[in-house]
Protein backbone atom coordinates (compact mmCIF):
# COMPACT_ATOMS: atom_id res chain seq x y z
CA UNK A 1 117.80 -165.25 -78.33
CA UNK A 2 116.09 -167.23 -81.65
CA UNK A 3 116.83 -170.93 -82.01
CA UNK A 4 115.75 -172.81 -84.97
CA UNK A 5 116.07 -176.41 -85.39
CA UNK A 6 115.61 -178.33 -89.12
CA UNK A 7 116.23 -181.80 -90.35
CA UNK A 8 117.72 -181.03 -93.50
CA UNK A 9 117.81 -184.30 -95.07
CA UNK A 10 121.52 -184.32 -95.77
CA UNK A 11 121.74 -181.15 -97.50
CA UNK A 12 123.01 -181.71 -101.08
CA UNK A 13 122.52 -179.78 -104.28
CA UNK A 14 123.61 -176.40 -105.15
CA UNK A 15 119.62 -175.12 -106.23
CA UNK A 16 117.84 -176.82 -103.07
CA UNK A 17 120.66 -175.46 -100.38
CA UNK A 18 120.20 -171.80 -101.80
CA UNK A 19 115.95 -172.64 -101.35
CA UNK A 20 117.18 -173.76 -98.02
CA UNK A 21 119.54 -170.95 -97.22
CA UNK A 22 116.33 -168.34 -98.33
CA UNK A 23 113.80 -169.64 -95.89
CA UNK A 24 116.89 -169.77 -92.55
CA UNK A 25 117.99 -166.35 -93.94
CA UNK A 26 114.31 -165.13 -93.79
CA UNK A 27 113.71 -166.29 -90.02
CA UNK A 28 116.99 -164.62 -88.34
CA UNK A 29 118.16 -167.21 -86.46
CA UNK A 30 120.92 -166.46 -83.83
CA UNK A 31 121.40 -170.21 -83.87
CA UNK A 32 120.53 -172.90 -86.00
CA UNK A 33 120.41 -176.67 -85.33
CA UNK A 34 120.74 -178.59 -88.45
CA UNK A 35 120.05 -182.48 -88.25
CA UNK A 36 120.72 -185.04 -91.18
CA UNK A 37 123.29 -182.32 -92.96
CA UNK A 38 125.59 -181.80 -95.29
CA UNK A 39 129.23 -179.19 -95.48
CA UNK A 40 127.36 -178.28 -98.78
CA UNK A 41 124.45 -176.72 -96.66
CA UNK A 42 127.17 -173.40 -95.84
CA UNK A 43 125.39 -170.81 -93.38
CA UNK A 44 128.95 -169.45 -92.97
CA UNK A 45 128.73 -166.13 -94.37
CA UNK A 46 126.49 -165.20 -91.23
CA UNK A 47 126.85 -167.95 -88.23
CA UNK A 48 130.07 -170.25 -87.62
CA UNK A 49 129.77 -174.14 -87.25
CA UNK A 50 130.14 -176.88 -84.63
CA UNK A 51 129.81 -180.09 -86.31
CA UNK A 52 129.67 -183.71 -84.66
CA UNK A 53 132.06 -186.06 -86.53
CA UNK A 54 131.16 -187.56 -90.55
CA UNK A 55 128.62 -190.16 -90.59
CA UNK A 56 129.33 -192.13 -93.72
CA UNK A 57 132.79 -193.36 -94.51
CA UNK A 58 131.69 -192.53 -98.40
CA UNK A 59 130.83 -189.12 -97.55
CA UNK A 60 132.93 -187.23 -95.10
CA UNK A 61 130.54 -183.78 -95.16
CA UNK A 62 127.33 -185.87 -93.94
CA UNK A 63 127.06 -185.12 -90.09
CA UNK A 64 124.24 -185.82 -87.10
CA UNK A 65 124.22 -182.18 -86.43
CA UNK A 66 125.72 -179.17 -87.28
CA UNK A 67 125.04 -176.27 -84.66
CA UNK A 68 125.66 -172.65 -86.79
CA UNK A 69 125.80 -169.69 -84.47
CA UNK A 70 126.42 -165.87 -84.41
CA UNK A 71 127.01 -165.96 -80.71
CA UNK A 72 130.98 -166.98 -79.57
CA UNK A 73 131.28 -170.18 -78.57
CA UNK A 74 132.66 -169.88 -75.40
CA UNK A 75 133.55 -174.04 -75.11
CA UNK A 76 132.54 -177.36 -76.61
CA UNK A 77 131.01 -179.73 -74.24
CA UNK A 78 131.91 -183.74 -74.36
CA UNK A 79 128.56 -185.54 -75.04
CA UNK A 80 128.06 -189.44 -74.33
CA UNK A 81 127.64 -189.92 -77.76
CA UNK A 82 129.77 -187.80 -80.02
CA UNK A 83 128.29 -189.58 -83.23
CA UNK A 84 124.65 -187.92 -82.89
CA UNK A 85 125.05 -185.27 -80.33
CA UNK A 86 126.77 -181.72 -79.83
CA UNK A 87 126.95 -179.46 -76.90
CA UNK A 88 128.18 -176.19 -76.51
CA UNK A 89 128.31 -173.02 -74.22
CA UNK A 90 127.59 -169.57 -75.99
CA UNK A 91 128.02 -166.62 -74.56
CA UNK A 92 124.83 -164.56 -75.68
CA UNK A 93 125.77 -161.10 -74.45
CA UNK A 94 125.53 -159.03 -71.11
CA UNK A 95 121.57 -159.48 -71.14
CA UNK A 96 121.98 -163.54 -71.26
CA UNK A 97 125.17 -164.49 -69.73
CA UNK A 98 126.06 -167.87 -71.24
CA UNK A 99 123.47 -170.85 -72.77
CA UNK A 100 124.57 -174.26 -73.14
CA UNK A 101 122.73 -175.45 -76.62
CA UNK A 102 122.73 -179.40 -76.79
CA UNK A 103 121.50 -180.72 -80.33
CA UNK A 104 120.68 -184.34 -81.42
CA UNK A 105 119.12 -186.96 -83.49
CA UNK A 106 117.15 -189.26 -81.55
CA UNK A 107 116.54 -192.45 -82.36
CA UNK A 108 114.09 -193.38 -85.14
CA UNK A 109 111.42 -196.09 -85.90
CA UNK A 110 114.13 -199.49 -86.88
CA UNK A 111 116.77 -197.44 -85.70
CA UNK A 112 119.47 -200.36 -85.85
CA UNK A 113 121.69 -198.20 -83.39
CA UNK A 114 125.60 -198.66 -83.06
CA UNK A 115 125.84 -202.27 -84.29
CA UNK A 116 124.54 -201.42 -87.89
CA UNK A 117 125.40 -205.09 -88.58
CA UNK A 118 122.08 -205.93 -86.73
CA UNK A 119 118.41 -206.20 -87.72
CA UNK A 120 115.93 -203.47 -87.07
CA UNK A 121 114.61 -202.67 -83.15
CA UNK A 122 111.15 -200.78 -84.08
CA UNK A 123 111.66 -198.41 -81.25
CA UNK A 124 113.43 -200.35 -79.26
CA UNK A 125 116.51 -197.47 -79.53
CA UNK A 126 113.99 -194.69 -78.81
CA UNK A 127 113.52 -196.37 -75.58
CA UNK A 128 117.09 -197.20 -74.82
CA UNK A 129 119.18 -193.81 -76.00
CA UNK A 130 116.01 -191.06 -74.98
CA UNK A 131 116.58 -192.03 -70.66
CA UNK A 132 120.51 -192.19 -71.45
CA UNK A 133 120.26 -188.50 -73.11
CA UNK A 134 117.72 -187.25 -70.47
CA UNK A 135 120.34 -188.33 -67.60
CA UNK A 136 122.88 -185.91 -69.72
CA UNK A 137 120.91 -183.06 -69.62
CA UNK A 138 120.32 -183.35 -66.35
CA UNK A 139 124.25 -183.45 -65.39
CA UNK A 140 124.36 -180.08 -67.97
CA UNK A 141 121.70 -178.52 -65.76
CA UNK A 142 123.91 -179.95 -62.65
CA UNK A 143 127.05 -178.62 -63.65
CA UNK A 144 125.97 -175.47 -65.10
CA UNK A 145 123.42 -174.41 -62.45
CA UNK A 146 123.62 -170.52 -63.23
CA UNK A 147 122.99 -171.37 -67.10
CA UNK A 148 120.08 -171.96 -69.09
CA UNK A 149 120.04 -175.62 -71.30
CA UNK A 150 118.36 -175.55 -74.62
CA UNK A 151 117.72 -178.93 -76.27
CA UNK A 152 117.00 -179.14 -79.76
CA UNK A 153 117.16 -181.62 -82.89
CA UNK A 154 115.57 -184.16 -84.97
CA UNK A 155 113.39 -185.60 -81.78
CA UNK A 156 111.79 -188.09 -83.71
CA UNK A 157 107.98 -188.16 -81.93
CA UNK A 158 105.30 -185.82 -81.84
CA UNK A 159 104.27 -183.82 -78.79
CA UNK A 160 100.85 -183.28 -78.40
CA UNK A 161 98.43 -182.96 -81.95
CA UNK A 162 97.22 -185.40 -83.46
CA UNK A 163 99.30 -188.81 -83.62
CA UNK A 164 102.18 -188.05 -86.31
CA UNK A 165 105.18 -190.16 -85.66
CA UNK A 166 106.10 -192.30 -82.82
CA UNK A 167 104.27 -193.89 -80.31
CA UNK A 168 102.49 -193.16 -76.69
CA UNK A 169 105.18 -195.32 -74.83
CA UNK A 170 107.99 -193.13 -76.50
CA UNK A 171 106.17 -189.71 -76.05
CA UNK A 172 105.90 -190.60 -72.30
CA UNK A 173 109.66 -191.57 -72.24
CA UNK A 174 110.67 -188.35 -74.17
CA UNK A 175 108.83 -186.16 -71.77
CA UNK A 176 110.46 -188.01 -68.76
CA UNK A 177 113.57 -187.08 -69.98
CA UNK A 178 112.67 -183.87 -70.46
CA UNK A 179 110.69 -183.93 -67.27
CA UNK A 180 114.23 -185.23 -65.68
CA UNK A 181 116.31 -181.48 -66.91
CA UNK A 182 113.52 -179.49 -66.24
CA UNK A 183 113.24 -178.81 -69.51
CA UNK A 184 109.81 -177.37 -71.14
CA UNK A 185 109.11 -178.00 -75.12
CA UNK A 186 108.28 -174.74 -76.68
CA UNK A 187 107.44 -176.99 -80.08
CA UNK A 188 104.24 -178.85 -79.00
CA UNK A 189 101.83 -178.86 -81.41
CA UNK A 190 99.11 -176.69 -79.71
CA UNK A 191 101.95 -173.80 -79.44
CA UNK A 192 101.89 -173.29 -82.84
CA UNK A 193 98.89 -170.65 -84.76
CA UNK A 194 96.70 -173.48 -86.17
CA UNK A 195 97.37 -174.19 -89.64
CA UNK A 196 100.67 -173.09 -89.94
CA UNK A 197 102.27 -176.73 -90.17
CA UNK A 198 100.09 -179.16 -91.91
CA UNK A 199 101.62 -181.98 -89.54
CA UNK A 200 102.58 -181.89 -85.78
CA UNK A 201 106.42 -181.38 -85.71
CA UNK A 202 109.30 -183.67 -84.72
CA UNK A 203 111.52 -181.45 -84.80
CA UNK A 204 111.40 -179.76 -81.55
CA UNK A 205 113.49 -177.07 -79.17
CA UNK A 206 113.12 -177.28 -75.59
CA UNK A 207 114.42 -174.73 -72.97
CA UNK A 208 115.21 -174.75 -68.68
CA UNK A 209 113.91 -172.47 -66.54
CA UNK A 210 117.08 -169.82 -66.03
CA UNK A 211 117.84 -168.00 -62.20
CA UNK A 212 114.14 -169.56 -61.13
CA UNK A 213 112.36 -167.34 -64.28
CA UNK A 214 110.82 -169.26 -66.46
CA UNK A 215 110.72 -169.69 -70.04
CA UNK A 216 109.20 -167.51 -72.42
CA UNK A 217 108.52 -167.81 -76.07
CA UNK A 218 106.79 -167.95 -79.22
CA UNK A 219 107.04 -170.45 -82.11
CA UNK A 220 106.80 -170.13 -86.02
CA UNK A 221 107.19 -173.03 -88.33
CA UNK A 222 107.47 -173.64 -91.87
CA UNK A 223 106.60 -176.60 -94.30
CA UNK A 224 108.99 -179.12 -96.04
CA UNK A 225 108.22 -177.44 -99.21
CA UNK A 226 109.17 -173.43 -100.74
CA UNK A 227 106.46 -171.36 -102.14
CA UNK A 228 107.64 -172.87 -105.63
CA UNK A 229 106.45 -176.39 -104.19
CA UNK A 230 110.01 -177.42 -104.67
CA UNK A 231 110.32 -180.13 -101.73
CA UNK A 232 113.30 -178.86 -99.55
CA UNK A 233 113.17 -181.95 -96.98
CA UNK A 234 110.70 -184.63 -95.37
CA UNK A 235 110.65 -182.48 -92.03
CA UNK A 236 108.79 -179.20 -91.41
CA UNK A 237 111.32 -176.80 -89.63
CA UNK A 238 110.73 -174.96 -86.48
CA UNK A 239 112.21 -171.36 -84.60
CA UNK A 240 111.31 -170.35 -80.71
CA UNK A 241 112.22 -166.97 -80.09
CA UNK A 242 113.23 -167.54 -76.09
CA UNK A 243 113.37 -165.27 -73.19
CA UNK A 244 113.27 -165.77 -69.07
CA UNK A 245 110.72 -163.51 -67.67
CA UNK A 246 108.55 -163.16 -64.71
CA UNK A 247 105.67 -162.02 -67.46
CA UNK A 248 105.11 -165.84 -68.67
């Protein structure tokens, strides 16, 4: 299965959304996890959506996360923080059975957290929330032991490669949370073709083993601008082709 994730900087504007869609259509993903997105960025011609609630009172179409999938949704699963996380169980067909997909946005630098009246807190929200989500990922592995788990979204730290965004402590906190659920990050910087991305990505796709089979993947990425130099986001996007096979 092909899974892509991209923070699209709230996905407004018909012309820029046409440009974003052209890039996504060219990638042929079965599932997109779009973060900081907007209902105007509509993929319903080929996919159907499961969305987090509206983020802003004044703009009811802005979302933390929208999962767009070609696969049937068997179940929308509850999450501890439904404002910023969406979890679904997907039917990926006879060869793959079902897969749990968890889309998220982890806190960024100076994220004030749920109490927006508080002052900015540096990386303290990231350090608080990431282990909590790690425990939820682990619980999903326990609740659905026969189903692989994929976690994708804006994880707000680069993993591997030159320092881009985050802290040394934050990277370790994130690695510990992934390790708690036996998740491998498929989008570490070194896994991309050299030169494919100018900076190390902070949007990531992570996957668990399944039935004792290791995760195999090929990754690709694209920049924040299109071929004409038009800015599409403040994030690069990433995609992984995932299978579970002995030939890792």
